[in-house]
Amino acid sequence: MTKNPFYNAGTALLYIILVVTGISIGGKLAGNSEGNYLIPIGMLSLFVLSAAIMAYIFLYQPIIMLLEGKRKEAIRLFISTIAVFAGITFIVFLIALIALKLNIQILAF
């Protein structure tokens, strides 16, 4: 990824939005899927894939910097990326809570 924690965290958010959109659309297309063992297998596979992608987004550049001997900068970038993503997550939950309280549907599929 980059040395910009805002870009890294934003990329993570975009990935999450794409996954949620895919799950939402896939759920509507699948209809009733009770007793289907492929759904849990698919969800667990998606979880593992997501963990790998998020590890790349959050850790690639700090590891490269660490290998280059830039320990302080690597730690600062990693913590900054986590902090920015935590802020984005907080804002998303805050918007969701406000929308829930005001009975507003946001991004309904």
Protein backbone atom coordinates (compact mmCIF):
# COMPACT_ATOMS: atom_id res chain seq x y z
CA MET A 1 0.00 0.00 0.00
CA THR A 2 1.16 3.55 0.56
CA LYS A 3 2.74 5.59 3.33
CA ASN A 4 -0.50 7.56 3.67
CA PRO A 5 -2.65 6.18 6.51
CA PHE A 6 -5.75 7.95 5.18
CA TYR A 7 -5.38 6.24 1.79
CA ASN A 8 -4.76 2.86 3.44
CA ALA A 9 -7.77 3.16 5.77
CA GLY A 10 -9.94 4.47 2.93
CA THR A 11 -8.95 1.49 0.79
CA ALA A 12 -9.98 -0.82 3.63
CA LEU A 13 -13.33 0.94 3.89
CA LEU A 14 -13.93 0.65 0.13
CA TYR A 15 -13.12 -3.05 0.28
CA ILE A 16 -15.63 -3.54 3.11
CA ILE A 17 -18.30 -1.63 1.18
CA LEU A 18 -17.71 -3.86 -1.86
CA VAL A 19 -17.98 -7.02 0.26
CA VAL A 20 -21.17 -5.87 1.98
CA THR A 21 -22.69 -4.88 -1.36
CA GLY A 22 -21.83 -8.28 -2.81
CA ILE A 23 -23.30 -10.11 0.19
CA SER A 24 -26.46 -8.01 0.05
CA ILE A 25 -26.99 -8.56 -3.67
CA GLY A 26 -26.03 -12.24 -3.39
CA GLY A 27 -28.50 -12.75 -0.54
CA LYS A 28 -31.32 -11.31 -2.60
CA LEU A 29 -30.41 -13.49 -5.60
CA ALA A 30 -30.12 -16.65 -3.48
CA GLY A 31 -33.51 -16.21 -1.86
CA ASN A 32 -34.29 -18.93 0.69
CA SER A 33 -31.07 -20.82 1.35
CA GLU A 34 -31.90 -22.85 4.47
CA GLY A 35 -29.94 -26.07 4.77
CA ASN A 36 -27.39 -24.99 2.19
CA TYR A 37 -23.90 -25.91 3.46
CA LEU A 38 -22.23 -23.84 0.78
CA ILE A 39 -23.27 -20.59 2.46
CA PRO A 40 -21.22 -21.15 5.67
CA ILE A 41 -18.29 -22.44 3.61
CA GLY A 42 -18.47 -19.37 1.40
CA MET A 43 -18.74 -17.01 4.37
CA LEU A 44 -15.78 -18.59 6.14
CA SER A 45 -13.78 -18.44 2.92
CA LEU A 46 -14.73 -14.79 2.53
CA PHE A 47 -13.63 -14.13 6.12
CA VAL A 48 -10.21 -15.69 5.50
CA LEU A 49 -9.82 -13.81 2.21
CA SER A 50 -10.84 -10.56 3.92
CA ALA A 51 -8.31 -11.12 6.70
CA ALA A 52 -5.57 -11.61 4.10
CA ILE A 53 -6.57 -8.51 2.13
CA MET A 54 -6.82 -6.36 5.26
CA ALA A 55 -3.42 -7.65 6.44
CA TYR A 56 -1.95 -6.56 3.11
CA ILE A 57 -3.60 -3.13 3.31
CA PHE A 58 -2.52 -2.50 6.90
CA LEU A 59 0.84 -4.29 7.07
CA TYR A 60 2.58 -4.32 3.67
CA GLN A 61 4.14 -0.86 3.74
CA PRO A 62 5.07 -0.95 7.46
CA ILE A 63 6.83 -4.31 6.93
CA ILE A 64 8.73 -2.91 3.94
CA MET A 65 9.74 0.10 6.02
CA LEU A 66 10.75 -2.16 8.90
CA LEU A 67 12.95 -4.24 6.59
CA GLU A 68 14.55 -1.01 5.35
CA GLY A 69 15.50 -0.18 8.94
CA LYS A 70 12.86 2.52 9.41
CA ARG A 71 11.40 1.04 12.59
CA LYS A 72 9.93 4.24 14.08
CA GLU A 73 8.32 5.30 10.80
CA ALA A 74 6.91 1.79 10.27
CA ILE A 75 5.31 1.72 13.71
CA ARG A 76 4.00 5.28 13.27
CA LEU A 77 2.42 4.40 9.89
CA PHE A 78 0.82 1.22 11.24
CA ILE A 79 -0.62 2.97 14.31
CA SER A 80 -1.76 5.96 12.22
CA THR A 81 -3.54 3.66 9.75
CA ILE A 82 -5.26 1.81 12.61
CA ALA A 83 -6.26 5.13 14.23
CA VAL A 84 -7.68 6.55 10.99
CA PHE A 85 -9.60 3.33 10.35
CA ALA A 86 -10.91 3.36 13.94
CA GLY A 87 -12.13 6.92 13.34
CA ILE A 88 -13.85 5.91 10.10
CA THR A 89 -15.44 2.94 11.88
CA PHE A 90 -16.68 5.21 14.67
CA ILE A 91 -18.20 7.62 12.15
CA VAL A 92 -19.93 4.77 10.29
CA PHE A 93 -21.43 3.45 13.54
CA LEU A 94 -22.45 6.97 14.59
CA ILE A 95 -24.24 7.53 11.26
CA ALA A 96 -25.91 4.12 11.55
CA LEU A 97 -27.06 4.87 15.11
CA ILE A 98 -28.43 8.28 14.15
CA ALA A 99 -30.19 6.79 11.13
CA LEU A 100 -31.67 4.06 13.32
CA LYS A 101 -32.93 6.59 15.87
CA LEU A 102 -34.44 8.78 13.12
CA ASN A 103 -35.80 5.74 11.26
CA ILE A 104 -33.89 6.64 8.07
CA GLN A 105 -32.76 4.00 5.59
CA ILE A 106 -29.29 4.63 4.24
CA LEU A 107 -27.97 2.71 1.24
CA ALA A 108 -30.87 0.24 1.20
CA PHE A 109 -30.60 -2.45 -1.46
